[in-house]
Amino acid sequence: QVQLQESGPGLVKPSQTLSLTCSVSGDSITNDYYAWSWIRQPPGKGLEWMGVILHDGSTYYSPSLKSRTSISRDTSKNQFSLQLSSVTPEDTAVYYCAAKRGISASDNPNNYDYWGQGTQVTVSS
């Protein structure tokens, strides 16, 4: 069974870049049976899909976040990472990494099968 664990700073200053890493165990991120995404949930709001990286390294992003978001991977460590630039307090949220079975990507958080526990990131000076 796939297990995911987020890590990164819990506090980021406005205008800086938020960086998180997801460590994956139980399977390889290069296995073409999974899609790997970042999803967040601001306080009092629903889940928001941010972007995905597929087994071949291709990436797709939410149109609303595309200009500020980058997802990359380190296959030697079986990790994938999120960078969100020019953050504001509106980027305060619990950030999750998640995996979806199947080769196709999805922007619907309900389609994801495995989730990390989530990490709280607060944007504040």
PDB file of N, CA and C in Angstrom:
ATOM      1  N   GLN A   1       0.839  -1.193   0.000  1.00  0.00           N
ATOM      2  CA  GLN A   1       0.000   0.000   0.000  1.00  0.00           C
ATOM      3  C   GLN A   1       0.877   1.248   0.000  1.00  0.00           C
ATOM      4  N   VAL A   2       0.471   2.202  -0.780  1.00  0.00           N
ATOM      5  CA  VAL A   2       1.224   3.449  -0.890  1.00  0.00           C
ATOM      6  C   VAL A   2       1.021   4.294   0.374  1.00  0.00           C
ATOM      7  N   GLN A   3       2.104   4.845   0.874  1.00  0.00           N
ATOM      8  CA  GLN A   3       2.041   5.766   2.005  1.00  0.00           C
ATOM      9  C   GLN A   3       2.756   7.058   1.622  1.00  0.00           C
ATOM     10  N   LEU A   4       2.197   8.187   2.042  1.00  0.00           N
ATOM     11  CA  LEU A   4       2.744   9.495   1.692  1.00  0.00           C
ATOM     12  C   LEU A   4       2.931  10.323   2.959  1.00  0.00           C
ATOM     13  N   GLN A   5       3.974  11.132   2.979  1.00  0.00           N
ATOM     14  CA  GLN A   5       4.267  11.971   4.131  1.00  0.00           C
ATOM     15  C   GLN A   5       4.796  13.322   3.664  1.00  0.00           C
ATOM     16  N   GLU A   6       4.079  14.385   4.049  1.00  0.00           N
ATOM     17  CA  GLU A   6       4.504  15.735   3.688  1.00  0.00           C
ATOM     18  C   GLU A   6       5.541  16.258   4.692  1.00  0.00           C
ATOM     19  N   SER A   7       6.422  17.117   4.215  1.00  0.00           N
ATOM     20  CA  SER A   7       7.363  17.787   5.110  1.00  0.00           C
ATOM     21  C   SER A   7       7.703  19.160   4.551  1.00  0.00           C
ATOM     22  N   GLY A   8       8.016  20.078   5.460  1.00  0.00           N
ATOM     23  CA  GLY A   8       8.368  21.435   5.047  1.00  0.00           C
ATOM     24  C   GLY A   8       8.047  22.424   6.142  1.00  0.00           C
ATOM     25  N   PRO A   9       8.419  23.688   5.924  1.00  0.00           N
ATOM     26  CA  PRO A   9       8.182  24.722   6.937  1.00  0.00           C
ATOM     27  C   PRO A   9       6.701  24.956   7.197  1.00  0.00           C
ATOM     28  N   GLY A  10       6.367  25.237   8.433  1.00  0.00           N
ATOM     29  CA  GLY A  10       4.985  25.512   8.784  1.00  0.00           C
ATOM     30  C   GLY A  10       4.635  26.991   8.707  1.00  0.00           C
ATOM     31  N   LEU A  11       5.656  27.839   8.549  1.00  0.00           N
ATOM     32  CA  LEU A  11       5.429  29.278   8.499  1.00  0.00           C
ATOM     33  C   LEU A  11       6.258  29.877   7.365  1.00  0.00           C
ATOM     34  N   VAL A  12       5.607  30.643   6.519  1.00  0.00           N
ATOM     35  CA  VAL A  12       6.263  31.279   5.378  1.00  0.00           C
ATOM     36  C   VAL A  12       5.864  32.758   5.372  1.00  0.00           C
ATOM     37  N   LYS A  13       6.804  33.623   5.066  1.00  0.00           N
ATOM     38  CA  LYS A  13       6.495  35.054   5.026  1.00  0.00           C
ATOM     39  C   LYS A  13       5.870  35.440   3.686  1.00  0.00           C
ATOM     40  N   PRO A  14       5.023  36.443   3.688  1.00  0.00           N
ATOM     41  CA  PRO A  14       4.433  36.924   2.432  1.00  0.00           C
ATOM     42  C   PRO A  14       5.503  37.278   1.411  1.00  0.00           C
ATOM     43  N   SER A  15       5.220  36.992   0.169  1.00  0.00           N
ATOM     44  CA  SER A  15       6.061  37.218  -1.004  1.00  0.00           C
ATOM     45  C   SER A  15       7.138  36.153  -1.178  1.00  0.00           C
ATOM     46  N   GLN A  16       7.340  35.292  -0.195  1.00  0.00           N
ATOM     47  CA  GLN A  16       8.334  34.239  -0.321  1.00  0.00           C
ATOM     48  C   GLN A  16       7.762  33.017  -1.043  1.00  0.00           C
ATOM     49  N   THR A  17       8.605  32.004  -1.212  1.00  0.00           N
ATOM     50  CA  THR A  17       8.196  30.775  -1.889  1.00  0.00           C
ATOM     51  C   THR A  17       7.987  29.669  -0.871  1.00  0.00           C
ATOM     52  N   LEU A  18       6.826  29.052  -0.951  1.00  0.00           N
ATOM     53  CA  LEU A  18       6.483  27.899  -0.117  1.00  0.00           C
ATOM     54  C   LEU A  18       7.040  26.646  -0.777  1.00  0.00           C
ATOM     55  N   SER A  19       7.765  25.824  -0.005  1.00  0.00           N
ATOM     56  CA  SER A  19       8.342  24.595  -0.544  1.00  0.00           C
ATOM     57  C   SER A  19       7.990  23.423   0.353  1.00  0.00           C
ATOM     58  N   LEU A  20       7.376  22.406  -0.225  1.00  0.00           N
ATOM     59  CA  LEU A  20       7.012  21.191   0.497  1.00  0.00           C
ATOM     60  C   LEU A  20       7.498  19.975  -0.272  1.00  0.00           C
ATOM     61  N   THR A  21       7.767  18.913   0.472  1.00  0.00           N
ATOM     62  CA  THR A  21       8.193  17.649  -0.128  1.00  0.00           C
ATOM     63  C   THR A  21       7.286  16.535   0.339  1.00  0.00           C
ATOM     64  N   CYS A  22       6.992  15.616  -0.549  1.00  0.00           N
ATOM     65  CA  CYS A  22       6.198  14.434  -0.236  1.00  0.00           C
ATOM     66  C   CYS A  22       7.080  13.203  -0.407  1.00  0.00           C
ATOM     67  N   SER A  23       7.279  12.474   0.676  1.00  0.00           N
ATOM     68  CA  SER A  23       8.047  11.227   0.627  1.00  0.00           C
ATOM     69  C   SER A  23       7.080  10.067   0.459  1.00  0.00           C
ATOM     70  N   VAL A  24       7.360   9.228  -0.517  1.00  0.00           N
ATOM     71  CA  VAL A  24       6.469   8.126  -0.874  1.00  0.00           C
ATOM     72  C   VAL A  24       7.120   6.796  -0.529  1.00  0.00           C
ATOM     73  N   SER A  25       6.351   5.899   0.052  1.00  0.00           N
ATOM     74  CA  SER A  25       6.803   4.540   0.308  1.00  0.00           C
ATOM     75  C   SER A  25       5.732   3.568  -0.152  1.00  0.00           C
ATOM     76  N   GLY A  26       6.138   2.361  -0.393  1.00  0.00           N
ATOM     77  CA  GLY A  26       5.198   1.327  -0.803  1.00  0.00           C
ATOM     78  C   GLY A  26       5.126   1.102  -2.298  1.00  0.00           C
ATOM     79  N   ASP A  27       5.613   2.066  -3.080  1.00  0.00           N
ATOM     80  CA  ASP A  27       5.679   1.918  -4.536  1.00  0.00           C
ATOM     81  C   ASP A  27       6.538   3.048  -5.089  1.00  0.00           C
ATOM     82  N   SER A  28       6.915   2.917  -6.337  1.00  0.00           N
ATOM     83  CA  SER A  28       7.770   3.910  -6.960  1.00  0.00           C
ATOM     84  C   SER A  28       6.947   4.997  -7.648  1.00  0.00           C
ATOM     85  N   ILE A  29       7.428   6.242  -7.553  1.00  0.00           N
ATOM     86  CA  ILE A  29       6.720   7.340  -8.220  1.00  0.00           C
ATOM     87  C   ILE A  29       6.871   7.276  -9.738  1.00  0.00           C
ATOM     88  N   THR A  30       7.735   6.375 -10.217  1.00  0.00           N
ATOM     89  CA  THR A  30       7.863   6.188 -11.665  1.00  0.00           C
ATOM     90  C   THR A  30       6.967   5.069 -12.180  1.00  0.00           C
ATOM     91  N   ASN A  31       6.257   4.411 -11.269  1.00  0.00           N
ATOM     92  CA  ASN A  31       5.296   3.382 -11.667  1.00  0.00           C
ATOM     93  C   ASN A  31       4.157   4.041 -12.431  1.00  0.00           C
ATOM     94  N   ASP A  32       3.861   3.553 -13.615  1.00  0.00           N
ATOM     95  CA  ASP A  32       2.857   4.232 -14.442  1.00  0.00           C
ATOM     96  C   ASP A  32       1.427   3.961 -13.995  1.00  0.00           C
ATOM     97  N   TYR A  33       1.261   3.380 -12.835  1.00  0.00           N
ATOM     98  CA  TYR A  33      -0.080   3.104 -12.332  1.00  0.00           C
ATOM     99  C   TYR A  33      -0.602   4.209 -11.422  1.00  0.00           C
ATOM    100  N   TYR A  34       0.192   5.274 -11.183  1.00  0.00           N
ATOM    101  CA  TYR A  34      -0.250   6.316 -10.264  1.00  0.00           C
ATOM    102  C   TYR A  34      -0.054   7.715 -10.838  1.00  0.00           C
ATOM    103  N   ALA A  35      -0.910   8.614 -10.355  1.00  0.00           N
ATOM    104  CA  ALA A  35      -0.720  10.041 -10.568  1.00  0.00           C
ATOM    105  C   ALA A  35      -0.545  10.669  -9.189  1.00  0.00           C
ATOM    106  N   TRP A  36       0.370  11.632  -9.093  1.00  0.00           N
ATOM    107  CA  TRP A  36       0.768  12.194  -7.794  1.00  0.00           C
ATOM    108  C   TRP A  36       0.450  13.686  -7.754  1.00  0.00           C
ATOM    109  N   SER A  37      -0.360  14.082  -6.796  1.00  0.00           N
ATOM    110  CA  SER A  37      -0.850  15.470  -6.760  1.00  0.00           C
ATOM    111  C   SER A  37      -0.596  16.173  -5.437  1.00  0.00           C
ATOM    112  N   TRP A  38      -0.691  17.501  -5.525  1.00  0.00           N
ATOM    113  CA  TRP A  38      -0.763  18.346  -4.337  1.00  0.00           C
ATOM    114  C   TRP A  38      -2.162  18.951  -4.272  1.00  0.00           C
ATOM    115  N   ILE A  39      -2.743  18.917  -3.081  1.00  0.00           N
ATOM    116  CA  ILE A  39      -4.099  19.403  -2.830  1.00  0.00           C
ATOM    117  C   ILE A  39      -4.057  20.192  -1.536  1.00  0.00           C
ATOM    118  N   ARG A  40      -4.808  21.275  -1.453  1.00  0.00           N
ATOM    119  CA  ARG A  40      -4.789  22.051  -0.220  1.00  0.00           C
ATOM    120  C   ARG A  40      -6.198  22.359   0.256  1.00  0.00           C
ATOM    121  N   GLN A  41      -6.315  22.731   1.520  1.00  0.00           N
ATOM    122  CA  GLN A  41      -7.600  23.105   2.091  1.00  0.00           C
ATOM    123  C   GLN A  41      -7.427  24.318   2.986  1.00  0.00           C
ATOM    124  N   PRO A  42      -7.822  25.491   2.482  1.00  0.00           N
ATOM    125  CA  PRO A  42      -7.766  26.699   3.334  1.00  0.00           C
ATOM    126  C   PRO A  42      -8.763  26.583   4.470  1.00  0.00           C
ATOM    127  N   PRO A  43      -8.546  27.331   5.547  1.00  0.00           N
ATOM    128  CA  PRO A  43      -9.471  27.249   6.682  1.00  0.00           C
ATOM    129  C   PRO A  43     -10.893  27.612   6.276  1.00  0.00           C
ATOM    130  N   GLY A  44     -11.829  26.759   6.622  1.00  0.00           N
ATOM    131  CA  GLY A  44     -13.233  26.993   6.353  1.00  0.00           C
ATOM    132  C   GLY A  44     -13.661  26.779   4.916  1.00  0.00           C
ATOM    133  N   LYS A  45     -12.750  26.249   4.086  1.00  0.00           N
ATOM    134  CA  LYS A  45     -13.071  26.052   2.676  1.00  0.00           C
ATOM    135  C   LYS A  45     -12.872  24.591   2.288  1.00  0.00           C
ATOM    136  N   GLY A  46     -13.237  24.272   1.064  1.00  0.00           N
ATOM    137  CA  GLY A  46     -13.115  22.912   0.568  1.00  0.00           C
ATOM    138  C   GLY A  46     -11.725  22.605   0.036  1.00  0.00           C
ATOM    139  N   LEU A  47     -11.555  21.373  -0.412  1.00  0.00           N
ATOM    140  CA  LEU A  47     -10.292  20.933  -0.986  1.00  0.00           C
ATOM    141  C   LEU A  47     -10.074  21.574  -2.357  1.00  0.00           C
ATOM    142  N   GLU A  48      -8.836  21.999  -2.601  1.00  0.00           N
ATOM    143  CA  GLU A  48      -8.468  22.614  -3.874  1.00  0.00           C
ATOM    144  C   GLU A  48      -7.296  21.849  -4.477  1.00  0.00           C
ATOM    145  N   TRP A  49      -7.507  21.280  -5.676  1.00  0.00           N
ATOM    146  CA  TRP A  49      -6.432  20.588  -6.380  1.00  0.00           C
ATOM    147  C   TRP A  49      -5.482  21.638  -6.958  1.00  0.00           C
ATOM    148  N   MET A  50      -4.177  21.394  -6.778  1.00  0.00           N
ATOM    149  CA  MET A  50      -3.182  22.378  -7.229  1.00  0.00           C
ATOM    150  C   MET A  50      -2.436  21.924  -8.490  1.00  0.00           C
ATOM    151  N   GLY A  51      -2.107  20.655  -8.549  1.00  0.00           N
ATOM    152  CA  GLY A  51      -1.343  20.181  -9.702  1.00  0.00           C
ATOM    153  C   GLY A  51      -0.954  18.734  -9.522  1.00  0.00           C
ATOM    154  N   VAL A  52      -0.430  18.143 -10.609  1.00  0.00           N
ATOM    155  CA  VAL A  52      -0.101  16.720 -10.624  1.00  0.00           C
ATOM    156  C   VAL A  52       1.189  16.487 -11.378  1.00  0.00           C
ATOM    157  N   ILE A  53       1.918  15.444 -10.973  1.00  0.00           N
ATOM    158  CA  ILE A  53       3.065  14.969 -11.736  1.00  0.00           C
ATOM    159  C   ILE A  53       2.832  13.487 -12.017  1.00  0.00           C
ATOM    160  N   LEU A  54       2.999  13.111 -13.263  1.00  0.00           N
ATOM    161  CA  LEU A  54       2.750  11.744 -13.687  1.00  0.00           C
ATOM    162  C   LEU A  54       4.035  10.923 -13.660  1.00  0.00           C
ATOM    163  N   HIS A  55       3.902   9.617 -13.975  1.00  0.00           N
ATOM    164  CA  HIS A  55       5.031   8.706 -13.852  1.00  0.00           C
ATOM    165  C   HIS A  55       6.185   9.094 -14.776  1.00  0.00           C
ATOM    166  N   ASP A  56       5.860   9.773 -15.884  1.00  0.00           N
ATOM    167  CA  ASP A  56       6.906  10.143 -16.830  1.00  0.00           C
ATOM    168  C   ASP A  56       7.486  11.522 -16.556  1.00  0.00           C
ATOM    169  N   GLY A  57       7.041  12.151 -15.470  1.00  0.00           N
ATOM    170  CA  GLY A  57       7.541  13.467 -15.110  1.00  0.00           C
ATOM    171  C   GLY A  57       6.753  14.629 -15.663  1.00  0.00           C
ATOM    172  N   SER A  58       5.754  14.361 -16.483  1.00  0.00           N
ATOM    173  CA  SER A  58       4.940  15.456 -17.017  1.00  0.00           C
ATOM    174  C   SER A  58       4.071  16.051 -15.904  1.00  0.00           C
ATOM    175  N   THR A  59       3.806  17.332 -16.024  1.00  0.00           N
ATOM    176  CA  THR A  59       3.070  18.045 -14.982  1.00  0.00           C
ATOM    177  C   THR A  59       1.892  18.819 -15.560  1.00  0.00           C
ATOM    178  N   TYR A  60       0.863  18.978 -14.754  1.00  0.00           N
ATOM    179  CA  TYR A  60      -0.320  19.742 -15.099  1.00  0.00           C
ATOM    180  C   TYR A  60      -0.740  20.512 -13.851  1.00  0.00           C
ATOM    181  N   TYR A  61      -1.195  21.766 -14.083  1.00  0.00           N
ATOM    182  CA  TYR A  61      -1.502  22.625 -12.951  1.00  0.00           C
ATOM    183  C   TYR A  61      -2.901  23.216 -13.049  1.00  0.00           C
ATOM    184  N   SER A  62      -3.436  23.571 -11.872  1.00  0.00           N
ATOM    185  CA  SER A  62      -4.686  24.310 -11.839  1.00  0.00           C
ATOM    186  C   SER A  62      -4.489  25.645 -12.554  1.00  0.00           C
ATOM    187  N   PRO A  63      -5.397  26.005 -13.447  1.00  0.00           N
ATOM    188  CA  PRO A  63      -5.242  27.286 -14.167  1.00  0.00           C
ATOM    189  C   PRO A  63      -5.102  28.479 -13.225  1.00  0.00           C
ATOM    190  N   SER A  64      -5.786  28.441 -12.098  1.00  0.00           N
ATOM    191  CA  SER A  64      -5.755  29.580 -11.174  1.00  0.00           C
ATOM    192  C   SER A  64      -4.426  29.714 -10.443  1.00  0.00           C
ATOM    193  N   LEU A  65      -3.642  28.651 -10.414  1.00  0.00           N
ATOM    194  CA  LEU A  65      -2.370  28.661  -9.683  1.00  0.00           C
ATOM    195  C   LEU A  65      -1.159  28.460 -10.584  1.00  0.00           C
ATOM    196  N   LYS A  66      -1.399  28.228 -11.853  1.00  0.00           N
ATOM    197  CA  LYS A  66      -0.342  27.803 -12.771  1.00  0.00           C
ATOM    198  C   LYS A  66       0.859  28.737 -12.799  1.00  0.00           C
ATOM    199  N   SER A  67       0.587  30.035 -12.725  1.00  0.00           N
ATOM    200  CA  SER A  67       1.681  30.999 -12.841  1.00  0.00           C
ATOM    201  C   SER A  67       2.604  30.985 -11.632  1.00  0.00           C
ATOM    202  N   ARG A  68       2.148  30.404 -10.503  1.00  0.00           N
ATOM    203  CA  ARG A  68       2.941  30.428  -9.273  1.00  0.00           C
ATOM    204  C   ARG A  68       3.395  29.045  -8.809  1.00  0.00           C
ATOM    205  N   THR A  69       2.971  27.996  -9.515  1.00  0.00           N
ATOM    206  CA  THR A  69       3.163  26.632  -9.005  1.00  0.00           C
ATOM    207  C   THR A  69       4.155  25.848  -9.843  1.00  0.00           C
ATOM    208  N   SER A  70       4.973  25.058  -9.149  1.00  0.00           N
ATOM    209  CA  SER A  70       5.877  24.135  -9.818  1.00  0.00           C
ATOM    210  C   SER A  70       5.941  22.839  -9.016  1.00  0.00           C
ATOM    211  N   ILE A  71       5.764  21.719  -9.708  1.00  0.00           N
ATOM    212  CA  ILE A  71       5.900  20.401  -9.084  1.00  0.00           C
ATOM    213  C   ILE A  71       7.051  19.677  -9.753  1.00  0.00           C
ATOM    214  N   SER A  72       7.920  19.113  -8.951  1.00  0.00           N
ATOM    215  CA  SER A  72       9.087  18.392  -9.461  1.00  0.00           C
ATOM    216  C   SER A  72       9.241  17.106  -8.676  1.00  0.00           C
ATOM    217  N   ARG A  73      10.238  16.305  -9.074  1.00  0.00           N
ATOM    218  CA  ARG A  73      10.440  15.043  -8.376  1.00  0.00           C
ATOM    219  C   ARG A  73      11.918  14.693  -8.287  1.00  0.00           C
ATOM    220  N   ASP A  74      12.219  13.842  -7.297  1.00  0.00           N
ATOM    221  CA  ASP A  74      13.557  13.263  -7.146  1.00  0.00           C
ATOM    222  C   ASP A  74      13.359  11.751  -7.104  1.00  0.00           C
ATOM    223  N   THR A  75      13.569  11.115  -8.239  1.00  0.00           N
ATOM    224  CA  THR A  75      13.304   9.678  -8.326  1.00  0.00           C
ATOM    225  C   THR A  75      14.265   8.864  -7.455  1.00  0.00           C
ATOM    226  N   SER A  76      15.464   9.386  -7.210  1.00  0.00           N
ATOM    227  CA  SER A  76      16.421   8.649  -6.387  1.00  0.00           C
ATOM    228  C   SER A  76      15.960   8.564  -4.927  1.00  0.00           C
ATOM    229  N   LYS A  77      15.140   9.540  -4.525  1.00  0.00           N
ATOM    230  CA  LYS A  77      14.617   9.552  -3.147  1.00  0.00           C
ATOM    231  C   LYS A  77      13.144   9.161  -3.081  1.00  0.00           C
ATOM    232  N   ASN A  78      12.551   8.906  -4.238  1.00  0.00           N
ATOM    233  CA  ASN A  78      11.117   8.585  -4.313  1.00  0.00           C
ATOM    234  C   ASN A  78      10.273   9.688  -3.662  1.00  0.00           C
ATOM    235  N   GLN A  79      10.584  10.927  -4.045  1.00  0.00           N
ATOM    236  CA  GLN A  79       9.896  12.096  -3.508  1.00  0.00           C
ATOM    237  C   GLN A  79       9.412  13.000  -4.641  1.00  0.00           C
ATOM    238  N   PHE A  80       8.341  13.731  -4.371  1.00  0.00           N
ATOM    239  CA  PHE A  80       7.975  14.813  -5.272  1.00  0.00           C
ATOM    240  C   PHE A  80       7.697  16.052  -4.431  1.00  0.00           C
ATOM    241  N   SER A  81       7.873  17.205  -5.063  1.00  0.00           N
ATOM    242  CA  SER A  81       7.877  18.457  -4.307  1.00  0.00           C
ATOM    243  C   SER A  81       6.969  19.499  -4.934  1.00  0.00           C
ATOM    244  N   LEU A  82       6.586  20.449  -4.098  1.00  0.00           N
ATOM    245  CA  LEU A  82       5.748  21.577  -4.499  1.00  0.00           C
ATOM    246  C   LEU A  82       6.476  22.869  -4.194  1.00  0.00           C
ATOM    247  N   GLN A  83       6.458  23.788  -5.139  1.00  0.00           N
ATOM    248  CA  GLN A  83       6.898  25.149  -4.882  1.00  0.00           C
ATOM    249  C   GLN A  83       5.783  26.094  -5.305  1.00  0.00           C
ATOM    250  N   LEU A  84       5.407  26.992  -4.398  1.00  0.00           N
ATOM    251  CA  LEU A  84       4.380  27.996  -4.662  1.00  0.00           C
ATOM    252  C   LEU A  84       5.002  29.357  -4.378  1.00  0.00           C
ATOM    253  N   SER A  85       5.133  30.168  -5.391  1.00  0.00           N
ATOM    254  CA  SER A  85       5.851  31.431  -5.255  1.00  0.00           C
ATOM    255  C   SER A  85       4.914  32.585  -4.899  1.00  0.00           C
ATOM    256  N   SER A  86       5.506  33.664  -4.444  1.00  0.00           N
ATOM    257  CA  SER A  86       4.788  34.919  -4.160  1.00  0.00           C
ATOM    258  C   SER A  86       3.558  34.679  -3.285  1.00  0.00           C
ATOM    259  N   VAL A  87       3.761  33.996  -2.188  1.00  0.00           N
ATOM    260  CA  VAL A  87       2.617  33.619  -1.353  1.00  0.00           C
ATOM    261  C   VAL A  87       2.043  34.833  -0.626  1.00  0.00           C
ATOM    262  N   THR A  88       0.750  34.742  -0.331  1.00  0.00           N
ATOM    263  CA  THR A  88       0.025  35.729   0.452  1.00  0.00           C
ATOM    264  C   THR A  88      -0.694  34.992   1.580  1.00  0.00           C
ATOM    265  N   PRO A  89      -1.274  35.738   2.519  1.00  0.00           N
ATOM    266  CA  PRO A  89      -2.020  35.054   3.591  1.00  0.00           C
ATOM    267  C   PRO A  89      -3.139  34.154   3.061  1.00  0.00           C
ATOM    268  N   GLU A  90      -3.641  34.424   1.856  1.00  0.00           N
ATOM    269  CA  GLU A  90      -4.682  33.576   1.275  1.00  0.00           C
ATOM    270  C   GLU A  90      -4.172  32.184   0.924  1.00  0.00           C
ATOM    271  N   ASP A  91      -2.865  31.990   0.932  1.00  0.00           N
ATOM    272  CA  ASP A  91      -2.290  30.671   0.677  1.00  0.00           C
ATOM    273  C   ASP A  91      -2.159  29.849   1.953  1.00  0.00           C
ATOM    274  N   THR A  92      -2.569  30.397   3.073  1.00  0.00           N
ATOM    275  CA  THR A  92      -2.602  29.637   4.316  1.00  0.00           C
ATOM    276  C   THR A  92      -3.577  28.481   4.185  1.00  0.00           C
ATOM    277  N   ALA A  93      -3.117  27.272   4.491  1.00  0.00           N
ATOM    278  CA  ALA A  93      -3.946  26.087   4.272  1.00  0.00           C
ATOM    279  C   ALA A  93      -3.252  24.865   4.856  1.00  0.00           C
ATOM    280  N   VAL A  94      -3.993  23.776   4.931  1.00  0.00           N
ATOM    281  CA  VAL A  94      -3.399  22.457   5.134  1.00  0.00           C
ATOM    282  C   VAL A  94      -3.089  21.910   3.743  1.00  0.00           C
ATOM    283  N   TYR A  95      -1.846  21.531   3.538  1.00  0.00           N
ATOM    284  CA  TYR A  95      -1.397  21.029   2.246  1.00  0.00           C
ATOM    285  C   TYR A  95      -1.237  19.515   2.322  1.00  0.00           C
ATOM    286  N   TYR A  96      -1.818  18.835   1.324  1.00  0.00           N
ATOM    287  CA  TYR A  96      -1.759  17.382   1.248  1.00  0.00           C
ATOM    288  C   TYR A  96      -1.067  16.951  -0.036  1.00  0.00           C
ATOM    289  N   CYS A  97      -0.302  15.860   0.042  1.00  0.00           N
ATOM    290  CA  CYS A  97       0.076  15.148  -1.174  1.00  0.00           C
ATOM    291  C   CYS A  97      -0.795  13.897  -1.241  1.00  0.00           C
ATOM    292  N   ALA A  98      -1.112  13.503  -2.459  1.00  0.00           N
ATOM    293  CA  ALA A  98      -2.065  12.416  -2.658  1.00  0.00           C
ATOM    294  C   ALA A  98      -1.723  11.648  -3.923  1.00  0.00           C
ATOM    295  N   ALA A  99      -2.165  10.404  -3.961  1.00  0.00           N
ATOM    296  CA  ALA A  99      -1.922   9.537  -5.118  1.00  0.00           C
ATOM    297  C   ALA A  99      -3.241   8.956  -5.612  1.00  0.00           C
ATOM    298  N   LYS A 100      -3.357   8.911  -6.926  1.00  0.00           N
ATOM    299  CA  LYS A 100      -4.548   8.369  -7.577  1.00  0.00           C
ATOM    300  C   LYS A 100      -4.135   7.139  -8.372  1.00  0.00           C
ATOM    301  N   ARG A 101      -4.851   6.037  -8.192  1.00  0.00           N
ATOM    302  CA  ARG A 101      -4.594   4.856  -9.007  1.00  0.00           C
ATOM    303  C   ARG A 101      -5.077   5.118 -10.432  1.00  0.00           C
ATOM    304  N   GLY A 102      -4.332   4.568 -11.385  1.00  0.00           N
ATOM    305  CA  GLY A 102      -4.720   4.771 -12.769  1.00  0.00           C
ATOM    306  C   GLY A 102      -3.779   5.739 -13.450  1.00  0.00           C
ATOM    307  N   ILE A 103      -3.650   5.625 -14.765  1.00  0.00           N
ATOM    308  CA  ILE A 103      -2.638   6.405 -15.476  1.00  0.00           C
ATOM    309  C   ILE A 103      -3.081   7.828 -15.777  1.00  0.00           C
ATOM    310  N   SER A 104      -4.349   8.128 -15.622  1.00  0.00           N
ATOM    311  CA  SER A 104      -4.820   9.462 -15.992  1.00  0.00           C
ATOM    312  C   SER A 104      -4.782  10.399 -14.799  1.00  0.00           C
ATOM    313  N   ALA A 105      -4.548  11.664 -15.075  1.00  0.00           N
ATOM    314  CA  ALA A 105      -4.559  12.684 -14.028  1.00  0.00           C
ATOM    315  C   ALA A 105      -6.001  13.092 -13.734  1.00  0.00           C
ATOM    316  N   SER A 106      -6.212  13.710 -12.585  1.00  0.00           N
ATOM    317  CA  SER A 106      -7.547  14.194 -12.230  1.00  0.00           C
ATOM    318  C   SER A 106      -7.416  15.449 -11.374  1.00  0.00           C
ATOM    319  N   ASP A 107      -8.317  16.406 -11.608  1.00  0.00           N
ATOM    320  CA  ASP A 107      -8.325  17.615 -10.790  1.00  0.00           C
ATOM    321  C   ASP A 107      -9.416  17.548  -9.718  1.00  0.00           C
ATOM    322  N   ASN A 108      -9.987  16.375  -9.542  1.00  0.00           N
ATOM    323  CA  ASN A 108     -11.033  16.186  -8.534  1.00  0.00           C
ATOM    324  C   ASN A 108     -10.433  15.464  -7.322  1.00  0.00           C
ATOM    325  N   PRO A 109     -10.332  16.160  -6.186  1.00  0.00           N
ATOM    326  CA  PRO A 109      -9.724  15.520  -5.007  1.00  0.00           C
ATOM    327  C   PRO A 109     -10.434  14.224  -4.600  1.00  0.00           C
ATOM    328  N   ASN A 110     -11.701  14.098  -4.916  1.00  0.00           N
ATOM    329  CA  ASN A 110     -12.444  12.891  -4.536  1.00  0.00           C
ATOM    330  C   ASN A 110     -11.948  11.641  -5.260  1.00  0.00           C
ATOM    331  N   ASN A 111     -11.181  11.820  -6.316  1.00  0.00           N
ATOM    332  CA  ASN A 111     -10.679  10.693  -7.100  1.00  0.00           C
ATOM    333  C   ASN A 111      -9.356  10.145  -6.587  1.00  0.00           C
ATOM    334  N   TYR A 112      -8.833  10.734  -5.525  1.00  0.00           N
ATOM    335  CA  TYR A 112      -7.528  10.304  -5.025  1.00  0.00           C
ATOM    336  C   TYR A 112      -7.684   9.250  -3.942  1.00  0.00           C
ATOM    337  N   ASP A 113      -6.825   8.222  -4.030  1.00  0.00           N
ATOM    338  CA  ASP A 113      -6.983   7.016  -3.211  1.00  0.00           C
ATOM    339  C   ASP A 113      -6.111   7.018  -1.963  1.00  0.00           C
ATOM    340  N   TYR A 114      -4.970   7.634  -2.033  1.00  0.00           N
ATOM    341  CA  TYR A 114      -4.031   7.637  -0.915  1.00  0.00           C
ATOM    342  C   TYR A 114      -3.640   9.078  -0.601  1.00  0.00           C
ATOM    343  N   TRP A 115      -3.599   9.390   0.704  1.00  0.00           N
ATOM    344  CA  TRP A 115      -3.327  10.746   1.149  1.00  0.00           C
ATOM    345  C   TRP A 115      -2.267  10.753   2.244  1.00  0.00           C
ATOM    346  N   GLY A 116      -1.462  11.795   2.258  1.00  0.00           N
ATOM    347  CA  GLY A 116      -0.646  12.067   3.412  1.00  0.00           C
ATOM    348  C   GLY A 116      -1.509  12.631   4.535  1.00  0.00           C
ATOM    349  N   GLN A 117      -0.930  12.818   5.700  1.00  0.00           N
ATOM    350  CA  GLN A 117      -1.691  13.307   6.841  1.00  0.00           C
ATOM    351  C   GLN A 117      -1.966  14.804   6.741  1.00  0.00           C
ATOM    352  N   GLY A 118      -1.255  15.489   5.862  1.00  0.00           N
ATOM    353  CA  GLY A 118      -1.426  16.919   5.703  1.00  0.00           C
ATOM    354  C   GLY A 118      -0.480  17.697   6.592  1.00  0.00           C
ATOM    355  N   THR A 119      -0.090  18.865   6.107  1.00  0.00           N
ATOM    356  CA  THR A 119       0.781  19.734   6.894  1.00  0.00           C
ATOM    357  C   THR A 119       0.241  21.163   6.845  1.00  0.00           C
ATOM    358  N   GLN A 120       0.140  21.794   7.984  1.00  0.00           N
ATOM    359  CA  GLN A 120      -0.360  23.157   8.073  1.00  0.00           C
ATOM    360  C   GLN A 120       0.733  24.129   7.655  1.00  0.00           C
ATOM    361  N   VAL A 121       0.389  25.004   6.713  1.00  0.00           N
ATOM    362  CA  VAL A 121       1.300  26.075   6.321  1.00  0.00           C
ATOM    363  C   VAL A 121       0.583  27.410   6.533  1.00  0.00           C
ATOM    364  N   THR A 122       1.195  28.268   7.288  1.00  0.00           N
ATOM    365  CA  THR A 122       0.649  29.591   7.560  1.00  0.00           C
ATOM    366  C   THR A 122       1.537  30.642   6.907  1.00  0.00           C
ATOM    367  N   VAL A 123       0.900  31.570   6.196  1.00  0.00           N
ATOM    368  CA  VAL A 123       1.635  32.670   5.566  1.00  0.00           C
ATOM    369  C   VAL A 123       1.400  33.919   6.407  1.00  0.00           C
ATOM    370  N   SER A 124       2.448  34.388   7.042  1.00  0.00           N
ATOM    371  CA  SER A 124       2.329  35.532   7.940  1.00  0.00           C
ATOM    372  C   SER A 124       3.700  36.155   8.152  1.00  0.00           C
ATOM    373  N   SER A 125       3.699  37.452   8.341  1.00  0.00           N
ATOM    374  CA  SER A 125       4.952  38.137   8.637  1.00  0.00           C
ATOM    375  C   SER A 125       5.247  38.116  10.136  1.00  0.00           C
TER     376      SER A 125
END
